[in-house]
PDB file of all heavy atoms in Angstrom:
ATOM      1  N   ARG A   1      80.154 127.993  94.973  1.00  0.00           N
ATOM      2  CA  ARG A   1      79.372 126.962  94.281  1.00  0.00           C
ATOM      3  C   ARG A   1      79.526 125.605  94.945  1.00  0.00           C
ATOM      4  O   ARG A   1      78.796 124.674  94.633  1.00  0.00           O
ATOM      5  CB  ARG A   1      79.818 126.866  92.816  1.00  0.00           C
ATOM      6  CG  ARG A   1      79.537 128.144  92.026  1.00  0.00           C
ATOM      7  CD  ARG A   1      79.811 127.942  90.553  1.00  0.00           C
ATOM      8  NE  ARG A   1      79.536 129.146  89.788  1.00  0.00           N
ATOM      9  CZ  ARG A   1      79.535 129.213  88.461  1.00  0.00           C
ATOM     10  NH1 ARG A   1      79.818 128.105  87.763  1.00  0.00           N
ATOM     11  NH2 ARG A   1      79.274 130.340  87.846  1.00  0.00           N
ATOM     12  N   GLU A   2      80.510 125.493  95.848  1.00  0.00           N
ATOM     13  CA  GLU A   2      80.771 124.216  96.509  1.00  0.00           C
ATOM     14  C   GLU A   2      80.337 124.279  97.969  1.00  0.00           C
ATOM     15  O   GLU A   2      80.208 125.357  98.555  1.00  0.00           O
ATOM     16  CB  GLU A   2      82.259 123.860  96.435  1.00  0.00           C
ATOM     17  CG  GLU A   2      82.804 123.710  95.026  1.00  0.00           C
ATOM     18  CD  GLU A   2      83.278 125.034  94.442  1.00  0.00           C
ATOM     19  OE1 GLU A   2      83.329 126.025  95.190  1.00  0.00           O
ATOM     20  OE2 GLU A   2      83.581 125.062  93.241  1.00  0.00           O
ATOM     21  N   ASP A   3      80.135 123.102  98.541  1.00  0.00           N
ATOM     22  CA  ASP A   3      79.762 122.962  99.946  1.00  0.00           C
ATOM     23  C   ASP A   3      81.024 122.675 100.754  1.00  0.00           C
ATOM     24  O   ASP A   3      81.688 121.657 100.546  1.00  0.00           O
ATOM     25  CB  ASP A   3      78.765 121.806 100.090  1.00  0.00           C
ATOM     26  CG  ASP A   3      78.307 121.576 101.517  1.00  0.00           C
ATOM     27  OD1 ASP A   3      78.810 122.262 102.432  1.00  0.00           O
ATOM     28  OD2 ASP A   3      77.443 120.700 101.725  1.00  0.00           O
ATOM     29  N   SER A   4      81.362 123.579 101.702  1.00  0.00           N
ATOM     30  CA  SER A   4      82.596 123.408 102.469  1.00  0.00           C
ATOM     31  C   SER A   4      82.540 122.227 103.437  1.00  0.00           C
ATOM     32  O   SER A   4      83.555 121.865 104.026  1.00  0.00           O
ATOM     33  CB  SER A   4      82.939 124.689 103.226  1.00  0.00           C
ATOM     34  OG  SER A   4      81.862 125.108 104.038  1.00  0.00           O
ATOM     35  N   HIS A   5      81.354 121.611 103.597  1.00  0.00           N
ATOM     36  CA  HIS A   5      81.312 120.347 104.344  1.00  0.00           C
ATOM     37  C   HIS A   5      82.037 119.244 103.568  1.00  0.00           C
ATOM     38  O   HIS A   5      82.495 118.266 104.159  1.00  0.00           O
ATOM     39  CB  HIS A   5      79.863 119.907 104.589  1.00  0.00           C
ATOM     40  CG  HIS A   5      79.136 120.738 105.596  1.00  0.00           C
ATOM     41  ND1 HIS A   5      78.481 121.890 105.253  1.00  0.00           N
ATOM     42  CD2 HIS A   5      78.978 120.586 106.930  1.00  0.00           C
ATOM     43  CE1 HIS A   5      77.928 122.418 106.347  1.00  0.00           C
ATOM     44  NE2 HIS A   5      78.221 121.643 107.373  1.00  0.00           N
ATOM     45  N   GLU A   6      82.123 119.413 102.255  1.00  0.00           N
ATOM     46  CA  GLU A   6      82.691 118.374 101.399  1.00  0.00           C
ATOM     47  C   GLU A   6      84.011 118.768 100.752  1.00  0.00           C
ATOM     48  O   GLU A   6      84.923 117.947 100.655  1.00  0.00           O
ATOM     49  CB  GLU A   6      81.675 118.000 100.301  1.00  0.00           C
ATOM     50  CG  GLU A   6      80.313 117.570 100.826  1.00  0.00           C
ATOM     51  CD  GLU A   6      80.381 116.337 101.715  1.00  0.00           C
ATOM     52  OE1 GLU A   6      81.311 115.523 101.534  1.00  0.00           O
ATOM     53  OE2 GLU A   6      79.516 116.180 102.595  1.00  0.00           O
ATOM     54  N   VAL A   7      84.127 120.005 100.264  1.00  0.00           N
ATOM     55  CA  VAL A   7      85.340 120.462  99.589  1.00  0.00           C
ATOM     56  C   VAL A   7      85.650 121.881 100.061  1.00  0.00           C
ATOM     57  O   VAL A   7      84.855 122.495 100.770  1.00  0.00           O
ATOM     58  CB  VAL A   7      85.191 120.445  98.050  1.00  0.00           C
ATOM     59  CG1 VAL A   7      84.955 119.032  97.539  1.00  0.00           C
ATOM     60  CG2 VAL A   7      84.052 121.372  97.607  1.00  0.00           C
ATOM     61  N   LEU A   8      86.822 122.397  99.657  1.00  0.00           N
ATOM     62  CA  LEU A   8      87.223 123.748 100.029  1.00  0.00           C
ATOM     63  C   LEU A   8      86.878 124.719  98.900  1.00  0.00           C
ATOM     64  O   LEU A   8      87.538 124.736  97.864  1.00  0.00           O
ATOM     65  CB  LEU A   8      88.728 123.786 100.323  1.00  0.00           C
ATOM     66  CG  LEU A   8      89.294 125.121 100.804  1.00  0.00           C
ATOM     67  CD1 LEU A   8      88.627 125.554 102.106  1.00  0.00           C
ATOM     68  CD2 LEU A   8      90.807 125.024 100.981  1.00  0.00           C
ATOM     69  N   PRO A   9      85.835 125.539  99.076  1.00  0.00           N
ATOM     70  CA  PRO A   9      85.447 126.481  98.018  1.00  0.00           C
ATOM     71  C   PRO A   9      86.487 127.585  97.838  1.00  0.00           C
ATOM     72  O   PRO A   9      87.204 127.946  98.776  1.00  0.00           O
ATOM     73  CB  PRO A   9      84.126 127.070  98.538  1.00  0.00           C
ATOM     74  CG  PRO A   9      83.665 126.141  99.609  1.00  0.00           C
ATOM     75  CD  PRO A   9      84.909 125.591 100.220  1.00  0.00           C
ATOM     76  N   ARG A  10      86.521 128.127  96.633  1.00  0.00           N
ATOM     77  CA  ARG A  10      87.408 129.249  96.314  1.00  0.00           C
ATOM     78  C   ARG A  10      86.598 130.346  95.642  1.00  0.00           C
ATOM     79  O   ARG A  10      85.762 130.074  94.785  1.00  0.00           O
ATOM     80  CB  ARG A  10      88.555 128.790  95.401  1.00  0.00           C
ATOM     81  CG  ARG A  10      89.475 127.788  96.086  1.00  0.00           C
ATOM     82  CD  ARG A  10      90.600 127.314  95.193  1.00  0.00           C
ATOM     83  NE  ARG A  10      91.477 126.397  95.910  1.00  0.00           N
ATOM     84  CZ  ARG A  10      92.521 126.785  96.634  1.00  0.00           C
ATOM     85  NH1 ARG A  10      92.849 128.070  96.683  1.00  0.00           N
ATOM     86  NH2 ARG A  10      93.252 125.901  97.288  1.00  0.00           N
ATOM     87  N   VAL A  11      86.872 131.582  96.044  1.00  0.00           N
ATOM     88  CA  VAL A  11      86.182 132.752  95.505  1.00  0.00           C
ATOM     89  C   VAL A  11      87.239 133.728  95.006  1.00  0.00           C
ATOM     90  O   VAL A  11      88.258 133.934  95.670  1.00  0.00           O
ATOM     91  CB  VAL A  11      85.315 133.419  96.597  1.00  0.00           C
ATOM     92  CG1 VAL A  11      84.719 134.726  96.103  1.00  0.00           C
ATOM     93  CG2 VAL A  11      84.208 132.473  97.041  1.00  0.00           C
ATOM     94  N   LYS A  12      87.003 134.327  93.844  1.00  0.00           N
ATOM     95  CA  LYS A  12      88.001 135.217  93.249  1.00  0.00           C
ATOM     96  C   LYS A  12      87.912 136.649  93.767  1.00  0.00           C
ATOM     97  O   LYS A  12      88.800 137.463  93.527  1.00  0.00           O
ATOM     98  CB  LYS A  12      87.861 135.208  91.726  1.00  0.00           C
ATOM     99  CG  LYS A  12      88.153 133.850  91.105  1.00  0.00           C
ATOM    100  CD  LYS A  12      88.210 133.936  89.600  1.00  0.00           C
ATOM    101  CE  LYS A  12      88.508 132.556  88.989  1.00  0.00           C
ATOM    102  NZ  LYS A  12      89.826 132.042  89.419  1.00  0.00           N
ATOM    103  N   ALA A  13      86.859 137.009  94.482  1.00  0.00           N
ATOM    104  CA  ALA A  13      86.649 138.384  94.931  1.00  0.00           C
ATOM    105  C   ALA A  13      87.782 138.871  95.821  1.00  0.00           C
ATOM    106  O   ALA A  13      88.297 138.130  96.665  1.00  0.00           O
ATOM    107  CB  ALA A  13      85.323 138.487  95.682  1.00  0.00           C
ATOM    108  N   GLY A  14      88.172 140.154  95.616  1.00  0.00           N
ATOM    109  CA  GLY A  14      89.166 140.788  96.466  1.00  0.00           C
ATOM    110  C   GLY A  14      88.501 141.579  97.576  1.00  0.00           C
ATOM    111  O   GLY A  14      87.270 141.639  97.679  1.00  0.00           O
ATOM    112  N   VAL A  15      89.308 142.238  98.390  1.00  0.00           N
ATOM    113  CA  VAL A  15      88.785 142.965  99.542  1.00  0.00           C
ATOM    114  C   VAL A  15      87.856 144.085  99.112  1.00  0.00           C
ATOM    115  O   VAL A  15      86.801 144.305  99.716  1.00  0.00           O
ATOM    116  CB  VAL A  15      89.944 143.519 100.406  1.00  0.00           C
ATOM    117  CG1 VAL A  15      89.389 144.418 101.516  1.00  0.00           C
ATOM    118  CG2 VAL A  15      90.753 142.384 101.005  1.00  0.00           C
ATOM    119  N   ALA A  16      88.212 144.815  98.046  1.00  0.00           N
ATOM    120  CA  ALA A  16      87.380 145.932  97.602  1.00  0.00           C
ATOM    121  C   ALA A  16      85.982 145.450  97.208  1.00  0.00           C
ATOM    122  O   ALA A  16      84.970 146.077  97.564  1.00  0.00           O
ATOM    123  CB  ALA A  16      88.038 146.653  96.426  1.00  0.00           C
ATOM    124  N   GLU A  17      85.913 144.340  96.491  1.00  0.00           N
ATOM    125  CA  GLU A  17      84.611 143.788  96.103  1.00  0.00           C
ATOM    126  C   GLU A  17      83.840 143.299  97.320  1.00  0.00           C
ATOM    127  O   GLU A  17      82.623 143.507  97.429  1.00  0.00           O
ATOM    128  CB  GLU A  17      84.808 142.645  95.113  1.00  0.00           C
ATOM    129  CG  GLU A  17      83.509 142.124  94.515  1.00  0.00           C
ATOM    130  CD  GLU A  17      83.728 141.102  93.419  1.00  0.00           C
ATOM    131  OE1 GLU A  17      84.891 140.901  93.006  1.00  0.00           O
ATOM    132  OE2 GLU A  17      82.736 140.499  92.985  1.00  0.00           O
ATOM    133  N   LEU A  18      84.524 142.661  98.251  1.00  0.00           N
ATOM    134  CA  LEU A  18      83.867 142.200  99.472  1.00  0.00           C
ATOM    135  C   LEU A  18      83.339 143.376 100.288  1.00  0.00           C
ATOM    136  O   LEU A  18      82.234 143.310 100.845  1.00  0.00           O
ATOM    137  CB  LEU A  18      84.846 141.384 100.321  1.00  0.00           C
ATOM    138  CG  LEU A  18      85.262 140.013  99.788  1.00  0.00           C
ATOM    139  CD1 LEU A  18      86.405 139.437 100.628  1.00  0.00           C
ATOM    140  CD2 LEU A  18      84.088 139.047  99.765  1.00  0.00           C
ATOM    141  N   MET A  19      84.109 144.461 100.346  1.00  0.00           N
ATOM    142  CA  MET A  19      83.684 145.632 101.118  1.00  0.00           C
ATOM    143  C   MET A  19      82.416 146.255 100.544  1.00  0.00           C
ATOM    144  O   MET A  19      81.618 146.847 101.270  1.00  0.00           O
ATOM    145  CB  MET A  19      84.799 146.680 101.146  1.00  0.00           C
ATOM    146  CG  MET A  19      86.007 146.294 101.996  1.00  0.00           C
ATOM    147  SD  MET A  19      85.679 146.209 103.771  1.00  0.00           S
ATOM    148  CE  MET A  19      85.434 147.934 104.159  1.00  0.00           C
ATOM    149  N   GLY A  20      82.206 146.101  99.249  1.00  0.00           N
ATOM    150  CA  GLY A  20      81.028 146.693  98.625  1.00  0.00           C
ATOM    151  C   GLY A  20      79.825 145.776  98.575  1.00  0.00           C
ATOM    152  O   GLY A  20      78.752 146.181  98.120  1.00  0.00           O
ATOM    153  N   ARG A  21      79.983 144.543  99.064  1.00  0.00           N
ATOM    154  CA  ARG A  21      78.876 143.589  98.957  1.00  0.00           C
ATOM    155  C   ARG A  21      78.780 142.712 100.200  1.00  0.00           C
ATOM    156  O   ARG A  21      78.025 143.014 101.118  1.00  0.00           O
ATOM    157  CB  ARG A  21      79.066 142.733  97.700  1.00  0.00           C
ATOM    158  CG  ARG A  21      77.877 141.855  97.331  1.00  0.00           C
ATOM    159  CD  ARG A  21      78.119 141.104  96.027  1.00  0.00           C
ATOM    160  NE  ARG A  21      79.288 140.227  96.091  1.00  0.00           N
ATOM    161  CZ  ARG A  21      79.795 139.584  95.038  1.00  0.00           C
ATOM    162  NH1 ARG A  21      79.257 139.753  93.844  1.00  0.00           N
ATOM    163  NH2 ARG A  21      80.839 138.784  95.177  1.00  0.00           N
ATOM    164  N   GLU A  22      79.548 141.637 100.268  1.00  0.00           N
ATOM    165  CA  GLU A  22      79.424 140.675 101.373  1.00  0.00           C
ATOM    166  C   GLU A  22      79.649 141.281 102.748  1.00  0.00           C
ATOM    167  O   GLU A  22      79.016 140.878 103.730  1.00  0.00           O
ATOM    168  CB  GLU A  22      80.412 139.510 101.187  1.00  0.00           C
ATOM    169  CG  GLU A  22      79.974 138.462 100.182  1.00  0.00           C
ATOM    170  CD  GLU A  22      80.442 138.786  98.773  1.00  0.00           C
ATOM    171  OE1 GLU A  22      80.888 139.936  98.546  1.00  0.00           O
ATOM    172  OE2 GLU A  22      80.361 137.894  97.909  1.00  0.00           O
ATOM    173  N   LEU A  23      80.564 142.235 102.839  1.00  0.00           N
ATOM    174  CA  LEU A  23      80.932 142.749 104.162  1.00  0.00           C
ATOM    175  C   LEU A  23      79.978 143.811 104.694  1.00  0.00           C
ATOM    176  O   LEU A  23      80.057 144.159 105.878  1.00  0.00           O
ATOM    177  CB  LEU A  23      82.359 143.300 104.131  1.00  0.00           C
ATOM    178  CG  LEU A  23      83.456 142.259 103.876  1.00  0.00           C
ATOM    179  CD1 LEU A  23      84.833 142.907 103.916  1.00  0.00           C
ATOM    180  CD2 LEU A  23      83.388 141.118 104.884  1.00  0.00           C
ATOM    181  N   LEU A  24      79.075 144.313 103.869  1.00  0.00           N
ATOM    182  CA  LEU A  24      78.149 145.344 104.342  1.00  0.00           C
ATOM    183  C   LEU A  24      77.247 144.850 105.475  1.00  0.00           C
ATOM    184  O   LEU A  24      77.105 145.537 106.493  1.00  0.00           O
ATOM    185  CB  LEU A  24      77.319 145.886 103.172  1.00  0.00           C
ATOM    186  CG  LEU A  24      78.109 146.682 102.125  1.00  0.00           C
ATOM    187  CD1 LEU A  24      77.185 147.096 100.973  1.00  0.00           C
ATOM    188  CD2 LEU A  24      78.751 147.904 102.761  1.00  0.00           C
ATOM    189  N   PRO A  25      76.629 143.671 105.375  1.00  0.00           N
ATOM    190  CA  PRO A  25      75.834 143.184 106.514  1.00  0.00           C
ATOM    191  C   PRO A  25      76.683 142.911 107.758  1.00  0.00           C
ATOM    192  O   PRO A  25      76.228 143.131 108.886  1.00  0.00           O
ATOM    193  CB  PRO A  25      75.198 141.890 105.984  1.00  0.00           C
ATOM    194  CG  PRO A  25      75.174 142.054 104.502  1.00  0.00           C
ATOM    195  CD  PRO A  25      76.442 142.798 104.185  1.00  0.00           C
TER     196      PRO A  25
END
């Protein structure tokens, strides 16, 4: 939800969730 140009974003997702979504592409 934050822009890393301005602040450090944090995401709660773990590796298993990333493997099933963000990491597929």
